């Protein structure tokens, strides 16, 4: 699974970091970014797929997108 975070539509709800703190981090204003070492081209390890999918489904702004290969 590969994901992309569109920071331009992130509203800072923080649900992503709540569900997948090893995938998403929040800045001082609560806006999300992918944690260090992850990018849209990075295949998530199997143990992070479930929390990342939960974050994707719970994002109120729909800022997380699953990338299809």
PDB file of N, CA and C in Angstrom:
ATOM      1  N   UNK A   1       0.844  -1.182   0.000  1.00  0.00           N
ATOM      2  CA  UNK A   1       0.000   0.000   0.000  1.00  0.00           C
ATOM      3  C   UNK A   1       0.888   1.244   0.000  1.00  0.00           C
ATOM      4  N   UNK A   2       0.563   2.178  -0.884  1.00  0.00           N
ATOM      5  CA  UNK A   2       1.244   3.471  -0.926  1.00  0.00           C
ATOM      6  C   UNK A   2       0.188   4.534  -0.678  1.00  0.00           C
ATOM      7  N   UNK A   3       0.555   5.556   0.075  1.00  0.00           N
ATOM      8  CA  UNK A   3      -0.375   6.630   0.345  1.00  0.00           C
ATOM      9  C   UNK A   3       0.252   7.976   0.020  1.00  0.00           C
ATOM     10  N   UNK A   4      -0.615   8.935  -0.231  1.00  0.00           N
ATOM     11  CA  UNK A   4      -0.176  10.301  -0.476  1.00  0.00           C
ATOM     12  C   UNK A   4      -0.969  11.188   0.470  1.00  0.00           C
ATOM     13  N   UNK A   5      -0.311  12.148   1.063  1.00  0.00           N
ATOM     14  CA  UNK A   5      -0.967  13.118   1.921  1.00  0.00           C
ATOM     15  C   UNK A   5      -0.977  14.460   1.204  1.00  0.00           C
ATOM     16  N   UNK A   6      -2.157  14.978   0.956  1.00  0.00           N
ATOM     17  CA  UNK A   6      -2.284  16.287   0.314  1.00  0.00           C
ATOM     18  C   UNK A   6      -2.375  17.340   1.422  1.00  0.00           C
ATOM     19  N   UNK A   7      -1.240  17.934   1.741  1.00  0.00           N
ATOM     20  CA  UNK A   7      -1.173  18.909   2.829  1.00  0.00           C
ATOM     21  C   UNK A   7      -1.968  20.175   2.530  1.00  0.00           C
ATOM     22  N   UNK A   8      -2.278  20.428   1.268  1.00  0.00           N
ATOM     23  CA  UNK A   8      -3.015  21.646   0.925  1.00  0.00           C
ATOM     24  C   UNK A   8      -4.481  21.572   1.343  1.00  0.00           C
ATOM     25  N   UNK A   9      -5.005  20.355   1.548  1.00  0.00           N
ATOM     26  CA  UNK A   9      -6.394  20.244   1.991  1.00  0.00           C
ATOM     27  C   UNK A   9      -6.517  19.722   3.421  1.00  0.00           C
ATOM     28  N   UNK A  10      -5.405  19.459   4.075  1.00  0.00           N
ATOM     29  CA  UNK A  10      -5.425  19.026   5.483  1.00  0.00           C
ATOM     30  C   UNK A  10      -5.989  20.161   6.331  1.00  0.00           C
ATOM     31  N   UNK A  11      -6.956  19.841   7.191  1.00  0.00           N
ATOM     32  CA  UNK A  11      -7.571  20.831   8.066  1.00  0.00           C
ATOM     33  C   UNK A  11      -7.087  20.732   9.506  1.00  0.00           C
ATOM     34  N   UNK A  12      -6.140  19.848   9.777  1.00  0.00           N
ATOM     35  CA  UNK A  12      -5.541  19.768  11.097  1.00  0.00           C
ATOM     36  C   UNK A  12      -6.388  19.090  12.160  1.00  0.00           C
ATOM     37  N   UNK A  13      -7.232  18.160  11.765  1.00  0.00           N
ATOM     38  CA  UNK A  13      -8.044  17.438  12.745  1.00  0.00           C
ATOM     39  C   UNK A  13      -7.204  16.464  13.581  1.00  0.00           C
ATOM     40  N   UNK A  14      -6.140  15.919  13.007  1.00  0.00           N
ATOM     41  CA  UNK A  14      -5.235  15.032  13.745  1.00  0.00           C
ATOM     42  C   UNK A  14      -5.664  13.589  13.850  1.00  0.00           C
ATOM     43  N   UNK A  15      -6.728  13.205  13.172  1.00  0.00           N
ATOM     44  CA  UNK A  15      -7.197  11.810  13.224  1.00  0.00           C
ATOM     45  C   UNK A  15      -6.143  10.845  12.681  1.00  0.00           C
ATOM     46  N   UNK A  16      -5.396  11.275  11.678  1.00  0.00           N
ATOM     47  CA  UNK A  16      -4.395  10.407  11.067  1.00  0.00           C
ATOM     48  C   UNK A  16      -3.313  10.027  12.081  1.00  0.00           C
ATOM     49  N   UNK A  17      -2.807  11.012  12.804  1.00  0.00           N
ATOM     50  CA  UNK A  17      -1.756  10.736  13.792  1.00  0.00           C
ATOM     51  C   UNK A  17      -2.308   9.953  14.975  1.00  0.00           C
ATOM     52  N   UNK A  18      -3.588  10.104  15.239  1.00  0.00           N
ATOM     53  CA  UNK A  18      -4.230   9.346  16.306  1.00  0.00           C
ATOM     54  C   UNK A  18      -4.260   7.860  15.959  1.00  0.00           C
ATOM     55  N   UNK A  19      -4.583   7.542  14.704  1.00  0.00           N
ATOM     56  CA  UNK A  19      -4.687   6.148  14.266  1.00  0.00           C
ATOM     57  C   UNK A  19      -3.343   5.549  13.865  1.00  0.00           C
ATOM     58  N   UNK A  20      -2.469   6.340  13.275  1.00  0.00           N
ATOM     59  CA  UNK A  20      -1.202   5.820  12.745  1.00  0.00           C
ATOM     60  C   UNK A  20      -0.056   6.777  13.081  1.00  0.00           C
ATOM     61  N   UNK A  21       0.336   6.849  14.356  1.00  0.00           N
ATOM     62  CA  UNK A  21       1.389   7.796  14.744  1.00  0.00           C
ATOM     63  C   UNK A  21       2.761   7.491  14.164  1.00  0.00           C
ATOM     64  N   UNK A  22       2.985   6.277  13.711  1.00  0.00           N
ATOM     65  CA  UNK A  22       4.273   5.966  13.085  1.00  0.00           C
ATOM     66  C   UNK A  22       4.291   6.324  11.605  1.00  0.00           C
ATOM     67  N   UNK A  23       3.129   6.667  11.052  1.00  0.00           N
ATOM     68  CA  UNK A  23       3.028   7.053   9.642  1.00  0.00           C
ATOM     69  C   UNK A  23       2.867   8.570   9.506  1.00  0.00           C
ATOM     70  N   UNK A  24       2.109   9.178  10.423  1.00  0.00           N
ATOM     71  CA  UNK A  24       1.807  10.610  10.348  1.00  0.00           C
ATOM     72  C   UNK A  24       2.306  11.329  11.593  1.00  0.00           C
ATOM     73  N   UNK A  25       2.814  12.518  11.397  1.00  0.00           N
ATOM     74  CA  UNK A  25       3.170  13.381  12.522  1.00  0.00           C
ATOM     75  C   UNK A  25       2.453  14.708  12.335  1.00  0.00           C
ATOM     76  N   UNK A  26       2.291  15.424  13.428  1.00  0.00           N
ATOM     77  CA  UNK A  26       1.603  16.704  13.387  1.00  0.00           C
ATOM     78  C   UNK A  26       2.578  17.818  13.713  1.00  0.00           C
ATOM     79  N   UNK A  27       2.422  18.952  13.022  1.00  0.00           N
ATOM     80  CA  UNK A  27       3.271  20.092  13.338  1.00  0.00           C
ATOM     81  C   UNK A  27       2.655  20.865  14.514  1.00  0.00           C
ATOM     82  N   UNK A  28       3.238  21.994  14.869  1.00  0.00           N
ATOM     83  CA  UNK A  28       2.776  22.739  16.041  1.00  0.00           C
ATOM     84  C   UNK A  28       1.363  23.298  15.894  1.00  0.00           C
ATOM     85  N   UNK A  29       0.828  23.361  14.682  1.00  0.00           N
ATOM     86  CA  UNK A  29      -0.537  23.825  14.448  1.00  0.00           C
ATOM     87  C   UNK A  29      -1.512  22.669  14.246  1.00  0.00           C
ATOM     88  N   UNK A  30      -1.017  21.436  14.296  1.00  0.00           N
ATOM     89  CA  UNK A  30      -1.874  20.267  14.153  1.00  0.00           C
ATOM     90  C   UNK A  30      -2.020  19.741  12.744  1.00  0.00           C
ATOM     91  N   UNK A  31      -1.259  20.300  11.798  1.00  0.00           N
ATOM     92  CA  UNK A  31      -1.331  19.821  10.415  1.00  0.00           C
ATOM     93  C   UNK A  31      -0.409  18.621  10.226  1.00  0.00           C
ATOM     94  N   UNK A  32      -0.868  17.680   9.438  1.00  0.00           N
ATOM     95  CA  UNK A  32      -0.175  16.402   9.277  1.00  0.00           C
ATOM     96  C   UNK A  32       0.915  16.444   8.212  1.00  0.00           C
ATOM     97  N   UNK A  33       1.854  15.551   8.391  1.00  0.00           N
ATOM     98  CA  UNK A  33       2.849  15.244   7.365  1.00  0.00           C
ATOM     99  C   UNK A  33       3.223  13.784   7.547  1.00  0.00           C
ATOM    100  N   UNK A  34       3.785  13.203   6.496  1.00  0.00           N
ATOM    101  CA  UNK A  34       4.271  11.828   6.610  1.00  0.00           C
ATOM    102  C   UNK A  34       5.524  11.845   7.470  1.00  0.00           C
ATOM    103  N   UNK A  35       5.690  10.827   8.273  1.00  0.00           N
ATOM    104  CA  UNK A  35       6.856  10.777   9.143  1.00  0.00           C
ATOM    105  C   UNK A  35       8.128  10.666   8.317  1.00  0.00           C
ATOM    106  N   UNK A  36       9.209  11.001   8.949  1.00  0.00           N
ATOM    107  CA  UNK A  36      10.507  10.987   8.274  1.00  0.00           C
ATOM    108  C   UNK A  36      10.780   9.613   7.658  1.00  0.00           C
ATOM    109  N   UNK A  37      11.221   9.625   6.437  1.00  0.00           N
ATOM    110  CA  UNK A  37      11.539   8.379   5.744  1.00  0.00           C
ATOM    111  C   UNK A  37      10.409   7.859   4.871  1.00  0.00           C
ATOM    112  N   UNK A  38       9.204   8.410   5.043  1.00  0.00           N
ATOM    113  CA  UNK A  38       8.078   7.979   4.219  1.00  0.00           C
ATOM    114  C   UNK A  38       7.775   9.038   3.173  1.00  0.00           C
ATOM    115  N   UNK A  39       7.400   8.581   2.000  1.00  0.00           N
ATOM    116  CA  UNK A  39       6.984   9.486   0.931  1.00  0.00           C
ATOM    117  C   UNK A  39       5.890   8.784   0.135  1.00  0.00           C
ATOM    118  N   UNK A  40       5.340   9.472  -0.834  1.00  0.00           N
ATOM    119  CA  UNK A  40       4.278   8.898  -1.664  1.00  0.00           C
ATOM    120  C   UNK A  40       4.777   7.706  -2.470  1.00  0.00           C
ATOM    121  N   UNK A  41       6.088   7.587  -2.637  1.00  0.00           N
ATOM    122  CA  UNK A  41       6.645   6.463  -3.401  1.00  0.00           C
ATOM    123  C   UNK A  41       7.033   5.284  -2.515  1.00  0.00           C
ATOM    124  N   UNK A  42       6.875   5.436  -1.211  1.00  0.00           N
ATOM    125  CA  UNK A  42       7.275   4.393  -0.264  1.00  0.00           C
ATOM    126  C   UNK A  42       6.148   3.390  -0.070  1.00  0.00           C
ATOM    127  N   UNK A  43       6.484   2.137  -0.230  1.00  0.00           N
ATOM    128  CA  UNK A  43       5.538   1.057   0.059  1.00  0.00           C
ATOM    129  C   UNK A  43       5.513   0.885   1.576  1.00  0.00           C
ATOM    130  N   UNK A  44       4.316   1.003   2.176  1.00  0.00           N
ATOM    131  CA  UNK A  44       4.214   0.853   3.625  1.00  0.00           C
ATOM    132  C   UNK A  44       4.452  -0.604   4.013  1.00  0.00           C
ATOM    133  N   UNK A  45       5.152  -0.825   5.104  1.00  0.00           N
ATOM    134  CA  UNK A  45       5.307  -2.200   5.593  1.00  0.00           C
ATOM    135  C   UNK A  45       3.936  -2.772   5.971  1.00  0.00           C
ATOM    136  N   UNK A  46       3.761  -4.065   5.874  1.00  0.00           N
ATOM    137  CA  UNK A  46       2.460  -4.684   6.154  1.00  0.00           C
ATOM    138  C   UNK A  46       1.881  -4.326   7.525  1.00  0.00           C
ATOM    139  N   UNK A  47       2.724  -4.164   8.535  1.00  0.00           N
ATOM    140  CA  UNK A  47       2.210  -3.852   9.867  1.00  0.00           C
ATOM    141  C   UNK A  47       1.666  -2.424   9.985  1.00  0.00           C
ATOM    142  N   UNK A  48       1.969  -1.560   9.024  1.00  0.00           N
ATOM    143  CA  UNK A  48       1.465  -0.180   9.052  1.00  0.00           C
ATOM    144  C   UNK A  48       0.270   0.042   8.128  1.00  0.00           C
ATOM    145  N   UNK A  49      -0.049  -0.959   7.322  1.00  0.00           N
ATOM    146  CA  UNK A  49      -1.144  -0.796   6.365  1.00  0.00           C
ATOM    147  C   UNK A  49      -2.499  -0.618   7.047  1.00  0.00           C
ATOM    148  N   UNK A  50      -2.780  -1.414   8.035  1.00  0.00           N
ATOM    149  CA  UNK A  50      -4.085  -1.331   8.704  1.00  0.00           C
ATOM    150  C   UNK A  50      -4.292   0.030   9.388  1.00  0.00           C
ATOM    151  N   UNK A  51      -3.333   0.507  10.215  1.00  0.00           N
ATOM    152  CA  UNK A  51      -3.542   1.829  10.809  1.00  0.00           C
ATOM    153  C   UNK A  51      -3.577   2.953   9.769  1.00  0.00           C
ATOM    154  N   UNK A  52      -2.806   2.831   8.697  1.00  0.00           N
ATOM    155  CA  UNK A  52      -2.817   3.855   7.651  1.00  0.00           C
ATOM    156  C   UNK A  52      -4.163   3.875   6.933  1.00  0.00           C
ATOM    157  N   UNK A  53      -4.741   2.715   6.698  1.00  0.00           N
ATOM    158  CA  UNK A  53      -6.056   2.646   6.054  1.00  0.00           C
ATOM    159  C   UNK A  53      -7.133   3.235   6.971  1.00  0.00           C
ATOM    160  N   UNK A  54      -7.017   2.968   8.277  1.00  0.00           N
ATOM    161  CA  UNK A  54      -7.969   3.541   9.246  1.00  0.00           C
ATOM    162  C   UNK A  54      -7.874   5.070   9.221  1.00  0.00           C
ATOM    163  N   UNK A  55      -6.651   5.591   9.153  1.00  0.00           N
ATOM    164  CA  UNK A  55      -6.442   7.038   9.075  1.00  0.00           C
ATOM    165  C   UNK A  55      -7.045   7.592   7.784  1.00  0.00           C
ATOM    166  N   UNK A  56      -6.845   6.891   6.691  1.00  0.00           N
ATOM    167  CA  UNK A  56      -7.398   7.305   5.397  1.00  0.00           C
ATOM    168  C   UNK A  56      -8.921   7.389   5.472  1.00  0.00           C
ATOM    169  N   UNK A  57      -9.541   6.384   6.056  1.00  0.00           N
ATOM    170  CA  UNK A  57     -10.998   6.345   6.129  1.00  0.00           C
ATOM    171  C   UNK A  57     -11.575   7.382   7.088  1.00  0.00           C
ATOM    172  N   UNK A  58     -10.823   7.737   8.128  1.00  0.00           N
ATOM    173  CA  UNK A  58     -11.322   8.669   9.138  1.00  0.00           C
ATOM    174  C   UNK A  58     -10.941  10.123   8.882  1.00  0.00           C
ATOM    175  N   UNK A  59     -10.175  10.398   7.859  1.00  0.00           N
ATOM    176  CA  UNK A  59      -9.761  11.777   7.587  1.00  0.00           C
ATOM    177  C   UNK A  59     -10.972  12.602   7.137  1.00  0.00           C
ATOM    178  N   UNK A  60     -11.409  13.582   7.954  1.00  0.00           N
ATOM    179  CA  UNK A  60     -12.577  14.375   7.584  1.00  0.00           C
ATOM    180  C   UNK A  60     -12.365  15.229   6.328  1.00  0.00           C
ATOM    181  N   UNK A  61     -11.121  15.594   6.041  1.00  0.00           N
ATOM    182  CA  UNK A  61     -10.831  16.434   4.876  1.00  0.00           C
ATOM    183  C   UNK A  61     -10.503  15.615   3.628  1.00  0.00           C
ATOM    184  N   UNK A  62     -10.411  14.302   3.775  1.00  0.00           N
ATOM    185  CA  UNK A  62     -10.039  13.408   2.671  1.00  0.00           C
ATOM    186  C   UNK A  62      -8.680  13.802   2.080  1.00  0.00           C
ATOM    187  N   UNK A  63      -7.749  14.127   2.956  1.00  0.00           N
ATOM    188  CA  UNK A  63      -6.414  14.568   2.525  1.00  0.00           C
ATOM    189  C   UNK A  63      -5.470  13.389   2.293  1.00  0.00           C
ATOM    190  N   UNK A  64      -5.879  12.181   2.664  1.00  0.00           N
ATOM    191  CA  UNK A  64      -5.037  10.993   2.495  1.00  0.00           C
ATOM    192  C   UNK A  64      -5.600  10.176   1.336  1.00  0.00           C
ATOM    193  N   UNK A  65      -4.743   9.854   0.396  1.00  0.00           N
ATOM    194  CA  UNK A  65      -5.157   9.159  -0.810  1.00  0.00           C
ATOM    195  C   UNK A  65      -4.308   7.890  -0.959  1.00  0.00           C
ATOM    196  N   UNK A  66      -4.956   6.780  -1.262  1.00  0.00           N
ATOM    197  CA  UNK A  66      -4.204   5.562  -1.557  1.00  0.00           C
ATOM    198  C   UNK A  66      -3.736   5.629  -2.999  1.00  0.00           C
ATOM    199  N   UNK A  67      -2.451   5.414  -3.180  1.00  0.00           N
ATOM    200  CA  UNK A  67      -1.886   5.431  -4.533  1.00  0.00           C
ATOM    201  C   UNK A  67      -1.944   4.020  -5.105  1.00  0.00           C
ATOM    202  N   UNK A  68      -2.441   3.938  -6.279  1.00  0.00           N
ATOM    203  CA  UNK A  68      -2.487   2.640  -6.993  1.00  0.00           C
ATOM    204  C   UNK A  68      -1.232   2.537  -7.851  1.00  0.00           C
ATOM    205  N   UNK A  69      -0.651   1.364  -7.861  1.00  0.00           N
ATOM    206  CA  UNK A  69       0.588   1.155  -8.619  1.00  0.00           C
ATOM    207  C   UNK A  69       0.374   1.133 -10.095  1.00  0.00           C
TER     208      UNK A  69
END
